[in-house]
C-alpha atoms as a PDB file:
ATOM      1  CA  MET A   1     -20.637  10.082   8.088  1.00  0.00           C
ATOM      2  CA  PRO A   2     -16.822  10.287   7.763  1.00  0.00           C
ATOM      3  CA  PRO A   3     -15.320  13.725   7.060  1.00  0.00           C
ATOM      4  CA  PRO A   4     -14.535  14.516   3.400  1.00  0.00           C
ATOM      5  CA  ALA A   5     -11.148  13.658   1.956  1.00  0.00           C
ATOM      6  CA  THR A   6     -10.188  17.325   1.740  1.00  0.00           C
ATOM      7  CA  ASP A   7     -10.027  17.417   5.547  1.00  0.00           C
ATOM      8  CA  VAL A   8      -7.361  14.721   5.630  1.00  0.00           C
ATOM      9  CA  PRO A   9      -3.836  16.053   6.274  1.00  0.00           C
ATOM     10  CA  GLU A  10      -1.290  15.765   3.490  1.00  0.00           C
ATOM     11  CA  LEU A  11       1.844  13.742   4.102  1.00  0.00           C
ATOM     12  CA  ALA A  12       5.020  15.808   4.216  1.00  0.00           C
ATOM     13  CA  VAL A  13       7.515  13.089   3.362  1.00  0.00           C
ATOM     14  CA  PRO A  14      10.672  13.850   1.376  1.00  0.00           C
ATOM     15  CA  VAL A  15      11.342  12.151  -1.935  1.00  0.00           C
ATOM     16  CA  PRO A  16      14.722  10.397  -1.883  1.00  0.00           C
ATOM     17  CA  ARG A  17      16.983  10.730  -4.893  1.00  0.00           C
ATOM     18  CA  GLY A  18      18.457   7.413  -5.877  1.00  0.00           C
ATOM     19  CA  GLY A  19      22.163   6.743  -6.052  1.00  0.00           C
ATOM     20  CA  PRO A  20      24.808   4.173  -5.220  1.00  0.00           C
ATOM     21  CA  GLY A  21      23.825   2.062  -2.238  1.00  0.00           C
ATOM     22  CA  VAL A  22      20.169   3.114  -2.356  1.00  0.00           C
ATOM     23  CA  ALA A  23      17.792   0.178  -2.662  1.00  0.00           C
ATOM     24  CA  ALA A  24      14.024   0.256  -2.910  1.00  0.00           C
ATOM     25  CA  ALA A  25      12.382  -0.897   0.304  1.00  0.00           C
ATOM     26  CA  GLY A  26       9.449  -2.281  -1.671  1.00  0.00           C
ATOM     27  CA  ARG A  27       7.350  -1.795  -4.793  1.00  0.00           C
ATOM     28  CA  LEU A  28       3.689  -0.845  -4.512  1.00  0.00           C
ATOM     29  CA  TYR A  29       1.597  -2.270  -7.360  1.00  0.00           C
ATOM     30  CA  PHE A  30      -1.927  -1.182  -8.319  1.00  0.00           C
ATOM     31  CA  SER A  31      -4.406  -3.031 -10.554  1.00  0.00           C
ATOM     32  CA  GLU A  32      -6.987  -0.563 -11.860  1.00  0.00           C
ATOM     33  CA  ASP A  33     -10.644  -1.600 -11.922  1.00  0.00           C
ATOM     34  CA  SER A  34     -12.124  -2.438 -15.343  1.00  0.00           C
ATOM     35  CA  ASN A  35      -8.875  -1.967 -17.261  1.00  0.00           C
ATOM     36  CA  ALA A  36      -7.135  -5.088 -18.565  1.00  0.00           C
ATOM     37  CA  LYS A  37      -4.083  -2.948 -19.341  1.00  0.00           C
ATOM     38  CA  GLY A  38      -4.163  -1.113 -16.001  1.00  0.00           C
ATOM     39  CA  LEU A  39      -1.207  -2.399 -13.981  1.00  0.00           C
ATOM     40  CA  TYR A  40       0.736   0.417 -12.295  1.00  0.00           C
ATOM     41  CA  GLU A  41       3.545   0.960  -9.827  1.00  0.00           C
ATOM     42  CA  ILE A  42       2.854   3.756  -7.313  1.00  0.00           C
ATOM     43  CA  ASN A  43       5.565   5.798  -5.606  1.00  0.00           C
ATOM     44  CA  VAL A  44       4.836   5.572  -1.871  1.00  0.00           C
ATOM     45  CA  GLN A  45       6.515   8.936  -1.232  1.00  0.00           C
ATOM     46  CA  THR A  46       4.636  11.011  -3.839  1.00  0.00           C
ATOM     47  CA  GLY A  47       1.635   8.933  -4.939  1.00  0.00           C
ATOM     48  CA  GLN A  48       2.691   9.168  -8.580  1.00  0.00           C
ATOM     49  CA  ALA A  49       1.569   6.174 -10.655  1.00  0.00           C
ATOM     50  CA  THR A  50       3.707   4.720 -13.453  1.00  0.00           C
ATOM     51  CA  HIS A  51       1.958   2.557 -16.029  1.00  0.00           C
ATOM     52  CA  LEU A  52       3.487  -0.910 -16.436  1.00  0.00           C
ATOM     53  CA  GLY A  53       1.138  -2.827 -18.712  1.00  0.00           C
ATOM     54  CA  GLN A  54      -1.384  -5.664 -18.534  1.00  0.00           C
ATOM     55  CA  SER A  55      -3.270  -6.904 -15.484  1.00  0.00           C
ATOM     56  CA  GLY A  56      -6.135  -8.788 -17.121  1.00  0.00           C
ATOM     57  CA  VAL A  57      -8.660  -7.071 -14.816  1.00  0.00           C
ATOM     58  CA  THR A  58     -11.991  -6.414 -16.540  1.00  0.00           C
ATOM     59  CA  SER A  59     -14.335  -5.634 -13.630  1.00  0.00           C
ATOM     60  CA  ARG A  60     -14.654  -3.523 -10.473  1.00  0.00           C
ATOM     61  CA  THR A  61     -13.875  -4.128  -6.763  1.00  0.00           C
ATOM     62  CA  VAL A  62     -10.780  -6.193  -7.463  1.00  0.00           C
ATOM     63  CA  GLY A  63      -7.831  -7.240  -5.296  1.00  0.00           C
ATOM     64  CA  LEU A  64      -4.074  -7.705  -5.633  1.00  0.00           C
ATOM     65  CA  ALA A  65      -1.508  -9.600  -3.536  1.00  0.00           C
ATOM     66  CA  PRO A  66       2.148 -10.660  -3.653  1.00  0.00           C
ATOM     67  CA  THR A  67       3.160 -14.238  -4.418  1.00  0.00           C
ATOM     68  CA  ASP A  68       6.285 -16.094  -3.295  1.00  0.00           C
ATOM     69  CA  SER A  69       8.026 -14.616  -6.354  1.00  0.00           C
ATOM     70  CA  GLU A  70       8.746 -10.912  -6.847  1.00  0.00           C
ATOM     71  CA  ASP A  71       8.045 -11.395 -10.565  1.00  0.00           C
ATOM     72  CA  LEU A  72       4.420 -12.504 -10.142  1.00  0.00           C
ATOM     73  CA  LEU A  73       1.261 -11.126  -8.511  1.00  0.00           C
ATOM     74  CA  TYR A  74      -2.094 -12.638  -7.540  1.00  0.00           C
ATOM     75  CA  ALA A  75      -5.015 -10.572  -8.836  1.00  0.00           C
ATOM     76  CA  SER A  76      -8.795 -10.928  -8.778  1.00  0.00           C
ATOM     77  CA  LYS A  77     -10.860 -10.208 -11.872  1.00  0.00           C
ATOM     78  CA  TRP A  78     -13.271 -10.393  -9.657  1.00  0.00           C
ATOM     79  CA  SER A  79     -14.919 -13.497 -11.115  1.00  0.00           C
ATOM     80  CA  THR A  80     -11.663 -15.456 -11.421  1.00  0.00           C
ATOM     81  CA  LEU A  81      -8.102 -15.457 -10.084  1.00  0.00           C
ATOM     82  CA  LEU A  82      -5.266 -14.142 -12.236  1.00  0.00           C
ATOM     83  CA  HIS A  83      -1.516 -14.687 -12.142  1.00  0.00           C
ATOM     84  CA  VAL A  84      -0.075 -11.375 -13.331  1.00  0.00           C
ATOM     85  CA  LYS A  85       3.513 -10.733 -14.393  1.00  0.00           C
ATOM     86  CA  ALA A  86       4.840  -7.880 -12.257  1.00  0.00           C
ATOM     87  CA  ASP A  87       6.459  -6.157 -15.235  1.00  0.00           C
ATOM     88  CA  GLY A  88       3.074  -5.875 -16.969  1.00  0.00           C
ATOM     89  CA  SER A  89       4.006  -8.177 -19.843  1.00  0.00           C
ATOM     90  CA  GLY A  90       1.114 -10.596 -19.422  1.00  0.00           C
ATOM     91  CA  PHE A  91      -1.210 -12.639 -17.206  1.00  0.00           C
ATOM     92  CA  THR A  92      -2.842 -16.051 -16.861  1.00  0.00           C
ATOM     93  CA  ASP A  93      -6.476 -16.587 -15.871  1.00  0.00           C
ATOM     94  CA  VAL A  94      -6.481 -19.688 -13.628  1.00  0.00           C
ATOM     95  CA  GLY A  95     -10.233 -19.729 -12.912  1.00  0.00           C
ATOM     96  CA  GLY A  96     -12.106 -19.787  -9.625  1.00  0.00           C
ATOM     97  CA  THR A  97     -15.374 -18.745  -8.016  1.00  0.00           C
ATOM     98  CA  GLY A  98     -14.741 -15.043  -7.473  1.00  0.00           C
ATOM     99  CA  THR A  99     -13.168 -12.739  -4.912  1.00  0.00           C
ATOM    100  CA  GLU A 100     -12.478  -9.055  -4.315  1.00  0.00           C
ATOM    101  CA  GLY A 101      -9.802  -8.481  -1.655  1.00  0.00           C
ATOM    102  CA  LEU A 102      -6.690 -10.670  -1.685  1.00  0.00           C
ATOM    103  CA  ALA A 103      -3.853 -11.260   0.805  1.00  0.00           C
ATOM    104  CA  PHE A 104      -0.998 -13.772   0.898  1.00  0.00           C
ATOM    105  CA  ASP A 105       0.990 -14.761   4.008  1.00  0.00           C
ATOM    106  CA  GLY A 106       3.697 -16.727   2.222  1.00  0.00           C
ATOM    107  CA  GLU A 107       1.777 -19.987   2.415  1.00  0.00           C
ATOM    108  CA  THR A 108      -1.957 -19.256   2.398  1.00  0.00           C
ATOM    109  CA  LEU A 109      -3.948 -17.115  -0.040  1.00  0.00           C
ATOM    110  CA  TYR A 110      -6.919 -15.289   1.524  1.00  0.00           C
ATOM    111  CA  GLY A 111      -9.900 -13.824  -0.289  1.00  0.00           C
ATOM    112  CA  ALA A 112     -12.739 -11.522   0.735  1.00  0.00           C
ATOM    113  CA  ILE A 113     -15.997 -10.645  -0.995  1.00  0.00           C
ATOM    114  CA  ASN A 114     -19.335  -9.208   0.158  1.00  0.00           C
ATOM    115  CA  GLY A 115     -18.622  -9.590   3.877  1.00  0.00           C
ATOM    116  CA  GLN A 116     -17.026 -13.038   3.617  1.00  0.00           C
ATOM    117  CA  LEU A 117     -13.466 -14.240   4.294  1.00  0.00           C
ATOM    118  CA  PHE A 118     -12.004 -17.529   3.082  1.00  0.00           C
ATOM    119  CA  THR A 119      -8.822 -19.277   1.992  1.00  0.00           C
ATOM    120  CA  MET A 120      -8.173 -20.080  -1.656  1.00  0.00           C
ATOM    121  CA  ASN A 121      -6.251 -22.486  -3.832  1.00  0.00           C
ATOM    122  CA  PRO A 122      -3.669 -20.226  -5.504  1.00  0.00           C
ATOM    123  CA  ASP A 123      -3.369 -22.559  -8.484  1.00  0.00           C
ATOM    124  CA  ASN A 124      -7.018 -22.590  -9.569  1.00  0.00           C
ATOM    125  CA  GLY A 125      -8.801 -19.872  -7.560  1.00  0.00           C
ATOM    126  CA  GLN A 126     -11.224 -22.244  -5.814  1.00  0.00           C
ATOM    127  CA  ARG A 127     -12.395 -21.568  -2.250  1.00  0.00           C
ATOM    128  CA  LEU A 128     -11.049 -23.883   0.423  1.00  0.00           C
ATOM    129  CA  VAL A 129     -12.047 -22.896   3.988  1.00  0.00           C
ATOM    130  CA  THR A 130     -14.647 -20.348   5.095  1.00  0.00           C
ATOM    131  CA  LEU A 131     -13.381 -18.159   7.954  1.00  0.00           C
ATOM    132  CA  ALA A 132     -14.987 -15.719  10.389  1.00  0.00           C
ATOM    133  CA  ALA A 133     -16.911 -12.920   8.692  1.00  0.00           C
ATOM    134  CA  PRO A 134     -15.639  -9.356   9.257  1.00  0.00           C
ATOM    135  CA  GLY A 135     -19.100  -7.857   9.738  1.00  0.00           C
ATOM    136  CA  ALA A 136     -18.470  -5.326   6.976  1.00  0.00           C
ATOM    137  CA  ASP A 137     -17.915  -5.172   3.222  1.00  0.00           C
ATOM    138  CA  VAL A 138     -14.127  -5.524   3.402  1.00  0.00           C
ATOM    139  CA  GLU A 139     -12.703  -4.918  -0.083  1.00  0.00           C
ATOM    140  CA  GLY A 140      -9.072  -4.063   0.672  1.00  0.00           C
ATOM    141  CA  LEU A 141      -7.145  -6.899   2.327  1.00  0.00           C
ATOM    142  CA  ALA A 142      -3.493  -6.971   3.454  1.00  0.00           C
ATOM    143  CA  TYR A 143      -1.274  -9.380   5.386  1.00  0.00           C
ATOM    144  CA  CYS A 144       0.812  -8.191   8.365  1.00  0.00           C
ATOM    145  CA  ALA A 145       3.893 -10.337   9.008  1.00  0.00           C
ATOM    146  CA  ARG A 146       4.631  -8.616  12.335  1.00  0.00           C
ATOM    147  CA  ASP A 147       1.890 -10.501  14.184  1.00  0.00           C
ATOM    148  CA  HIS A 148       0.496 -12.899  11.554  1.00  0.00           C
ATOM    149  CA  SER A 149      -2.747 -11.017  10.977  1.00  0.00           C
ATOM    150  CA  LEU A 150      -4.817  -9.439   8.213  1.00  0.00           C
ATOM    151  CA  TYR A 151      -6.054  -5.874   7.837  1.00  0.00           C
ATOM    152  CA  GLY A 152      -9.325  -5.223   6.036  1.00  0.00           C
ATOM    153  CA  LEU A 153     -10.631  -1.895   4.728  1.00  0.00           C
ATOM    154  CA  ALA A 154     -14.377  -1.557   4.154  1.00  0.00           C
ATOM    155  CA  GLY A 155     -15.806   0.076   1.043  1.00  0.00           C
ATOM    156  CA  PHE A 156     -18.881   0.025  -1.217  1.00  0.00           C
ATOM    157  CA  SER A 157     -21.567  -1.390   1.142  1.00  0.00           C
ATOM    158  CA  GLY A 158     -19.616  -0.032   4.093  1.00  0.00           C
ATOM    159  CA  PRO A 159     -19.105   1.179   6.627  1.00  0.00           C
ATOM    160  CA  ARG A 160     -16.853   2.996   4.134  1.00  0.00           C
ATOM    161  CA  GLY A 161     -13.434   3.758   5.552  1.00  0.00           C
ATOM    162  CA  ASP A 162     -13.709   1.427   8.546  1.00  0.00           C
ATOM    163  CA  LEU A 163     -10.468  -0.479   9.204  1.00  0.00           C
ATOM    164  CA  PHE A 164     -10.586  -3.968  10.720  1.00  0.00           C
ATOM    165  CA  LYS A 165      -7.980  -6.462  11.915  1.00  0.00           C
ATOM    166  CA  TYR A 166      -8.248 -10.241  11.689  1.00  0.00           C
ATOM    167  CA  ASP A 167      -6.266 -12.510  14.025  1.00  0.00           C
ATOM    168  CA  ILE A 168      -5.401 -15.590  11.998  1.00  0.00           C
ATOM    169  CA  GLY A 169      -4.648 -17.719  15.063  1.00  0.00           C
ATOM    170  CA  SER A 170      -7.964 -17.095  16.813  1.00  0.00           C
ATOM    171  CA  ASN A 171     -10.096 -16.654  13.660  1.00  0.00           C
ATOM    172  CA  SER A 172     -11.550 -13.397  14.979  1.00  0.00           C
ATOM    173  CA  TRP A 173     -12.025  -9.799  13.818  1.00  0.00           C
ATOM    174  CA  ARG A 174     -11.980  -6.460  15.620  1.00  0.00           C
ATOM    175  CA  ARG A 175     -12.703  -2.945  14.403  1.00  0.00           C
ATOM    176  CA  ILE A 176      -9.818  -0.463  14.717  1.00  0.00           C
ATOM    177  CA  GLY A 177     -11.548   2.746  13.628  1.00  0.00           C
ATOM    178  CA  ASN A 178     -12.531   4.908  10.679  1.00  0.00           C
ATOM    179  CA  ALA A 179      -9.914   6.392   8.373  1.00  0.00           C
ATOM    180  CA  GLY A 180     -11.748   9.677   7.893  1.00  0.00           C
ATOM    181  CA  VAL A 181     -12.032   8.934   4.165  1.00  0.00           C
ATOM    182  CA  ALA A 182     -15.113   7.290   2.630  1.00  0.00           C
ATOM    183  CA  PHE A 183     -13.102   4.634   0.794  1.00  0.00           C
ATOM    184  CA  ASN A 184     -14.902   2.817  -2.017  1.00  0.00           C
ATOM    185  CA  GLU A 185     -13.768  -0.031  -4.296  1.00  0.00           C
ATOM    186  CA  CYS A 186     -10.478   0.110  -2.416  1.00  0.00           C
ATOM    187  CA  GLY A 187      -7.177  -1.698  -2.330  1.00  0.00           C
ATOM    188  CA  LEU A 188      -4.977  -2.091   0.754  1.00  0.00           C
ATOM    189  CA  ALA A 189      -1.296  -2.968   1.262  1.00  0.00           C
ATOM    190  CA  TYR A 190       0.884  -3.258   4.372  1.00  0.00           C
ATOM    191  CA  ASP A 191       4.500  -2.064   4.633  1.00  0.00           C
ATOM    192  CA  ALA A 192       6.212  -4.081   7.380  1.00  0.00           C
ATOM    193  CA  GLY A 193       9.324  -1.911   7.333  1.00  0.00           C
ATOM    194  CA  ALA A 194       7.485   1.345   7.959  1.00  0.00           C
ATOM    195  CA  ASN A 195       4.559  -0.269   9.831  1.00  0.00           C
ATOM    196  CA  VAL A 196       1.997   1.584   7.711  1.00  0.00           C
ATOM    197  CA  LEU A 197      -0.875   0.702   5.409  1.00  0.00           C
ATOM    198  CA  TYR A 198      -1.420   2.136   1.932  1.00  0.00           C
ATOM    199  CA  ALA A 199      -4.904   2.562   0.476  1.00  0.00           C
ATOM    200  CA  LYS A 200      -6.378   3.663  -2.850  1.00  0.00           C
ATOM    201  CA  GLY A 201     -10.047   3.755  -3.814  1.00  0.00           C
ATOM    202  CA  SER A 202     -12.470   5.204  -6.351  1.00  0.00           C
ATOM    203  CA  GLN A 203     -13.721   7.981  -4.033  1.00  0.00           C
ATOM    204  CA  ASP A 204     -10.818  10.126  -5.322  1.00  0.00           C
ATOM    205  CA  SER A 205      -7.496   9.692  -7.131  1.00  0.00           C
ATOM    206  CA  PHE A 206      -5.167   9.969  -4.108  1.00  0.00           C
ATOM    207  CA  LEU A 207      -2.925   7.422  -2.427  1.00  0.00           C
ATOM    208  CA  TYR A 208      -3.312   7.402   1.356  1.00  0.00           C
ATOM    209  CA  ARG A 209      -1.204   6.215   4.248  1.00  0.00           C
ATOM    210  CA  LEU A 210      -3.108   4.654   7.190  1.00  0.00           C
ATOM    211  CA  ASP A 211      -1.946   4.223  10.766  1.00  0.00           C
ATOM    212  CA  PRO A 212      -2.558   0.527  11.594  1.00  0.00           C
ATOM    213  CA  ALA A 213      -3.178   1.365  15.257  1.00  0.00           C
ATOM    214  CA  THR A 214      -5.804   4.094  14.768  1.00  0.00           C
ATOM    215  CA  ALA A 215      -6.917   3.888  11.097  1.00  0.00           C
ATOM    216  CA  GLN A 216      -6.144   7.624  10.692  1.00  0.00           C
ATOM    217  CA  ALA A 217      -5.530   8.415   7.013  1.00  0.00           C
ATOM    218  CA  THR A 218      -2.931  10.839   5.666  1.00  0.00           C
ATOM    219  CA  ARG A 219      -3.011  11.889   2.042  1.00  0.00           C
ATOM    220  CA  ILE A 220       0.275  11.186   0.241  1.00  0.00           C
ATOM    221  CA  GLY A 221      -0.351  12.439  -3.295  1.00  0.00           C
ATOM    222  CA  ASP A 222      -2.335  12.197  -6.513  1.00  0.00           C
ATOM    223  CA  THR A 223      -1.985   8.990  -8.532  1.00  0.00           C
ATOM    224  CA  GLY A 224      -3.746  10.480 -11.533  1.00  0.00           C
ATOM    225  CA  VAL A 225      -5.976   7.373 -11.664  1.00  0.00           C
ATOM    226  CA  ALA A 226      -9.638   7.957 -10.819  1.00  0.00           C
ATOM    227  CA  ALA A 227     -10.738   4.327 -10.485  1.00  0.00           C
ATOM    228  CA  GLY A 228     -10.302   2.034  -7.521  1.00  0.00           C
ATOM    229  CA  GLY A 229      -8.535  -1.309  -7.626  1.00  0.00           C
ATOM    230  CA  GLY A 230      -6.152  -3.649  -5.850  1.00  0.00           C
ATOM    231  CA  LEU A 231      -2.880  -2.837  -4.057  1.00  0.00           C
ATOM    232  CA  ALA A 232       0.102  -5.070  -3.257  1.00  0.00           C
ATOM    233  CA  LEU A 233       3.479  -4.236  -1.731  1.00  0.00           C
ATOM    234  CA  VAL A 234       6.272  -6.501  -2.916  1.00  0.00           C
ATOM    235  CA  GLY A 235       9.670  -6.736  -1.225  1.00  0.00           C
ATOM    236  CA  GLY A 236       8.939  -4.433   1.709  1.00  0.00           C
ATOM    237  CA  SER A 237      11.653  -4.313   4.374  1.00  0.00           C
ATOM    238  CA  PRO A 238      12.984  -2.007   7.110  1.00  0.00           C
ATOM    239  CA  THR A 239      14.780   1.108   5.845  1.00  0.00           C
ATOM    240  CA  CYS A 240      17.292   3.604   7.255  1.00  0.00           C
ATOM    241  CA  VAL A 241      15.899   6.572   9.199  1.00  0.00           C
ATOM    242  CA  TYR A 242      17.859   9.762   9.936  1.00  0.00           C
ATOM    243  CA  THR A 243      17.377  12.686  12.327  1.00  0.00           C
ATOM    244  CA  LEU A 244      17.736  15.927  10.379  1.00  0.00           C
ATOM    245  CA  LYS A 245      20.430  18.325  11.597  1.00  0.00           C
ATOM    246  CA  LYS A 246      19.884  20.766   8.735  1.00  0.00           C
ATOM    247  CA  SER A 247      17.000  21.313   6.323  1.00  0.00           C
ATOM    248  CA  THR A 248      17.497  24.185   3.890  1.00  0.00           C
ATOM    249  CA  PRO A 249      14.847  25.167   1.314  1.00  0.00           C
ATOM    250  CA  LYS A 250      16.016  26.076  -2.188  1.00  0.00           C
ATOM    251  CA  GLY A 251      14.134  27.588  -5.110  1.00  0.00           C
ATOM    252  CA  GLY A 252      11.079  28.641  -3.144  1.00  0.00           C
ATOM    253  CA  CYS A 253      10.138  25.354  -1.485  1.00  0.00           C
ATOM    254  CA  GLY A 254       8.021  26.099   1.572  1.00  0.00           C
ATOM    255  CA  ASN A 255       7.393  22.522   2.619  1.00  0.00           C
ATOM    256  CA  CYS A 256      10.783  21.072   3.580  1.00  0.00           C
ATOM    257  CA  PRO A 257      10.879  18.580   6.471  1.00  0.00           C
ATOM    258  CA  PRO A 258      11.728  20.312   9.760  1.00  0.00           C
ATOM    259  CA  LYS A 259      15.112  20.311  11.466  1.00  0.00           C
ATOM    260  CA  GLY A 260      15.031  17.666  14.177  1.00  0.00           C
ATOM    261  CA  GLY A 261      12.449  15.641  12.300  1.00  0.00           C
ATOM    262  CA  GLU A 262      12.891  12.165  10.849  1.00  0.00           C
ATOM    263  CA  TYR A 263      13.819  11.448   7.238  1.00  0.00           C
ATOM    264  CA  ARG A 264      13.197   7.930   5.957  1.00  0.00           C
ATOM    265  CA  THR A 265      15.287   6.792   3.003  1.00  0.00           C
ATOM    266  CA  GLN A 266      14.665   3.832   0.709  1.00  0.00           C
ATOM    267  CA  THR A 267      17.890   2.116   1.777  1.00  0.00           C
ATOM    268  CA  ALA A 268      17.007  -1.346   3.091  1.00  0.00           C
ATOM    269  CA  CYS A 269      18.578  -2.494   6.392  1.00  0.00           C
ATOM    270  CA  GLU A 270      18.401  -5.222   9.021  1.00  0.00           C
ATOM    271  CA  ASP A 271      20.187  -3.257  11.743  1.00  0.00           C
ATOM    272  CA  VAL A 272      20.939   0.436  12.245  1.00  0.00           C
ATOM    273  CA  LYS A 273      24.633  -0.389  11.716  1.00  0.00           C
ATOM    274  CA  ASP A 274      23.764  -1.188   8.089  1.00  0.00           C
ATOM    275  CA  CYS A 275      22.956   2.505   7.555  1.00  0.00           C
ATOM    276  CA  ASP A 276      25.482   5.223   6.745  1.00  0.00           C
ATOM    277  CA  LYS A 277      26.284   7.251   9.855  1.00  0.00           C
ATOM    278  CA  LYS A 278      25.407  10.498   8.098  1.00  0.00           C
ATOM    279  CA  ILE A 279      23.368  11.539   5.105  1.00  0.00           C
ATOM    280  CA  LYS A 280      23.708  14.543   2.830  1.00  0.00           C
ATOM    281  CA  THR A 281      21.237  14.843  -0.016  1.00  0.00           C
ATOM    282  CA  ILE A 282      18.972  17.102  -2.070  1.00  0.00           C
ATOM    283  CA  ILE A 283      15.332  16.107  -2.477  1.00  0.00           C
ATOM    284  CA  ALA A 284      12.425  17.393  -4.519  1.00  0.00           C
ATOM    285  CA  CYS A 285      10.081  19.727  -2.654  1.00  0.00           C
ATOM    286  CA  PRO A 286       7.489  17.500  -0.902  1.00  0.00           C
ATOM    287  CA  ASN A 287       3.847  17.481  -2.076  1.00  0.00           C
ATOM    288  CA  GLY A 288       4.791  18.747  -5.528  1.00  0.00           C
ATOM    289  CA  GLY A 289       5.990  22.206  -4.495  1.00  0.00           C
ATOM    290  CA  ASN A 290       8.556  24.268  -6.380  1.00  0.00           C
ATOM    291  CA  GLY A 291      12.254  23.993  -5.629  1.00  0.00           C
ATOM    292  CA  THR A 292      14.217  21.528  -3.520  1.00  0.00           C
ATOM    293  CA  CYS A 293      15.358  20.815   0.042  1.00  0.00           C
ATOM    294  CA  LYS A 294      19.005  20.395   1.036  1.00  0.00           C
ATOM    295  CA  LEU A 295      19.211  17.910   3.913  1.00  0.00           C
ATOM    296  CA  LYS A 296      21.870  16.775   6.356  1.00  0.00           C
ATOM    297  CA  GLY A 297      21.159  14.129   8.970  1.00  0.00           C
ATOM    298  CA  LYS A 298      22.495  11.556  11.408  1.00  0.00           C
ATOM    299  CA  ARG A 299      21.287   7.964  11.462  1.00  0.00           C
ATOM    300  CA  SER A 300      18.736   7.171  14.145  1.00  0.00           C
ATOM    301  CA  SER A 301      17.109   3.815  13.420  1.00  0.00           C
ATOM    302  CA  CYS A 302      16.370   0.945  11.078  1.00  0.00           C
ATOM    303  CA  GLY A 303      12.667   0.300  10.885  1.00  0.00           C
END
């Protein structure tokens, strides 16, 4: 049995303060199970969920995926496929035969339900091609553009918290490991810029960060939403990373990032030369602590 969620380390990642030249690296959307008005955006640094509006979701174990437009999301109901407006202003039920996990690679829409994997018609939700079975109840599904693959996170029927990887080219699955969290009714999203997975399930209200190579989970923060649901990252890209030369706590913060450590901003980049040579900023105390952290750093990478 996987260790309880309380044993999972918390993520000590600073919260960037926006300003001129700061662009979001991506937006993480969450469709809450059994709540037709439960579309949220989740802050990947803190886990805080902001309510957006309608998703059309009226059942459990649902999925969410990007489309080829940043203004629209694919969502499962589970019984049918939905086209959901990313601002929460509405949705369209296009029909279909039912799916839980969803992933989109820019051309093909993938669905997973009850240990099955298949491709789908994005216009009407119908199944097209049955693919290799994962050998587990994969509920969270996410596309990885780095090597044209899918990640699948098992929940409900289990093994809960097991992370799998599907090679699209060879139509084959392999198990990576267990996250250390008994994920249930879970959503999964992949951030290509940071090379991390995000997961949220009904076993607790926290957002987690998963290492794609090991499956190890790190708790980011409390979303305030108890139910599981679908996750989708839209517009993810590499961001500027800095090596900290100074990290000074203010107002009683005891959790500032360490001097010499890395600080990832939300400034999108294609090359390290796109990043400012130096950074000087004040961030909120990580993990919800009191006070702030005064940071100074030198650029180190774009990734």
